Amino acid sequence: MEFNLKAHRCPTAQILLNRALEMFMASDAEELVITTIEPSLKRNTEARIAGLDLAAEISAVHSRDISNNDLHNWADNFDDDDYGDVSQVVTITIKKSNREKLREAC
């Protein structure tokens, strides 16, 4: 399952993360990949998983520079005020933990 938050920043990025986590945990998907430019979203994801005691964990985090292709894709909905102070696109991969698999087996 993949969610691209594009150039959304907090609080919108957090709201979208919350929805994505809820859908992911209710689904049969084993992995959720979130792409974002919001610098605080990794920390917020860890806090959300812990705070809700979700049977999931961050398994990988990768960063890359914002590309011209990203800027082109965001052009109709975002402007420099949205992404001007960041330079990285971060991909956060979340996997369901064994605890979730045990729950499903019961």
Protein backbone atom coordinates (compact mmCIF):
# COMPACT_ATOMS: atom_id res chain seq x y z
CA MET A 1 0.00 0.00 0.00
CA GLU A 2 1.45 3.38 -0.96
CA PHE A 3 0.56 6.96 -0.03
CA ASN A 4 2.30 9.94 -1.56
CA LEU A 5 1.67 13.01 0.60
CA LYS A 6 3.23 15.16 -2.13
CA ALA A 7 4.08 18.62 -0.74
CA HIS A 8 1.59 18.53 2.12
CA ARG A 9 3.03 19.81 5.38
CA CYS A 10 1.76 19.49 8.94
CA PRO A 11 -0.94 19.53 10.10
CA THR A 12 -2.35 18.17 6.81
CA ALA A 13 0.49 15.65 6.45
CA GLN A 14 -0.25 14.32 9.95
CA ILE A 15 -3.97 13.99 9.21
CA LEU A 16 -3.20 12.08 6.01
CA LEU A 17 -0.70 9.88 7.88
CA ASN A 18 -3.33 9.05 10.50
CA ARG A 19 -5.80 8.02 7.80
CA ALA A 20 -3.17 5.98 5.96
CA LEU A 21 -2.19 4.10 9.13
CA GLU A 22 -5.84 3.38 9.93
CA MET A 23 -6.49 2.02 6.43
CA PHE A 24 -3.25 0.03 6.49
CA MET A 25 -3.97 -1.65 9.82
CA ALA A 26 -7.49 -2.57 8.65
CA SER A 27 -6.20 -4.02 5.37
CA ASP A 28 -4.51 -7.26 4.37
CA ALA A 29 -1.45 -5.31 3.18
CA GLU A 30 1.82 -6.21 4.89
CA GLU A 31 3.61 -2.97 4.04
CA LEU A 32 2.79 0.74 3.90
CA VAL A 33 5.05 3.15 2.04
CA ILE A 34 4.58 6.85 2.76
CA THR A 35 6.35 9.52 0.73
CA THR A 36 6.54 13.01 2.22
CA ILE A 37 8.51 16.23 2.42
CA GLU A 38 7.42 16.92 6.01
CA PRO A 39 10.60 16.67 8.12
CA SER A 40 8.75 15.74 11.32
CA LEU A 41 6.74 12.88 9.85
CA LYS A 42 9.17 10.08 10.76
CA ARG A 43 9.10 11.14 14.40
CA ASN A 44 5.33 11.61 14.24
CA THR A 45 4.89 8.17 12.66
CA GLU A 46 6.89 6.54 15.46
CA ALA A 47 4.82 8.40 18.05
CA ARG A 48 1.52 7.49 16.39
CA ILE A 49 2.41 3.80 16.18
CA ALA A 50 3.49 3.78 19.84
CA GLY A 51 0.61 5.94 21.06
CA LEU A 52 -2.01 3.71 19.47
CA ASP A 53 -0.04 0.55 20.34
CA LEU A 54 -0.22 -0.56 16.72
CA ALA A 55 1.31 -3.88 15.75
CA ALA A 56 3.56 -2.21 13.20
CA GLU A 57 7.02 -0.74 12.97
CA ILE A 58 9.08 1.46 10.70
CA SER A 59 11.29 -0.90 8.71
CA ALA A 60 13.11 1.59 6.48
CA VAL A 61 13.57 5.30 5.86
CA HIS A 62 15.15 6.70 2.70
CA SER A 63 15.75 10.27 1.61
CA ARG A 64 16.46 11.86 -1.73
CA ASP A 65 16.66 15.39 -3.06
CA ILE A 66 13.49 17.02 -4.36
CA SER A 67 13.65 16.71 -8.14
CA ASN A 68 12.40 18.91 -10.95
CA ASN A 69 9.88 16.14 -11.65
CA ASP A 70 8.52 16.50 -8.09
CA LEU A 71 8.18 20.25 -8.52
CA HIS A 72 6.40 19.75 -11.84
CA ASN A 73 3.97 17.24 -10.28
CA TRP A 74 3.18 19.62 -7.41
CA ALA A 75 2.88 22.76 -9.56
CA ASP A 76 -0.92 22.81 -9.81
CA ASN A 77 -1.59 22.32 -6.09
CA PHE A 78 1.41 23.66 -4.20
CA ASP A 79 3.82 26.57 -4.35
CA ASP A 80 7.20 27.59 -2.96
CA ASP A 81 5.59 28.44 0.40
CA ASP A 82 4.79 24.73 0.79
CA TYR A 83 8.16 23.25 -0.12
CA GLY A 84 10.60 26.16 -0.24
CA ASP A 85 12.21 25.42 3.14
CA VAL A 86 12.82 21.70 2.57
CA SER A 87 15.12 19.90 0.17
CA GLN A 88 14.36 16.23 0.78
CA VAL A 89 11.66 13.74 -0.10
CA VAL A 90 11.50 11.05 2.59
CA THR A 91 10.10 7.57 2.06
CA ILE A 92 8.98 5.78 5.22
CA THR A 93 8.25 2.06 5.03
CA ILE A 94 6.07 0.55 7.73
CA LYS A 95 5.51 -3.17 8.17
CA LYS A 96 3.04 -5.02 10.29
CA SER A 97 4.81 -6.78 13.12
CA ASN A 98 4.56 -10.42 14.12
CA ARG A 99 2.18 -9.35 16.88
CA GLU A 100 -0.38 -8.38 14.19
CA LYS A 101 0.05 -11.71 12.44
CA LEU A 102 -0.53 -13.53 15.74
CA ARG A 103 -3.74 -11.55 16.30
CA GLU A 104 -5.02 -12.49 12.85
CA ALA A 105 -4.29 -16.18 13.49
CA CYS A 106 -6.40 -16.28 16.67
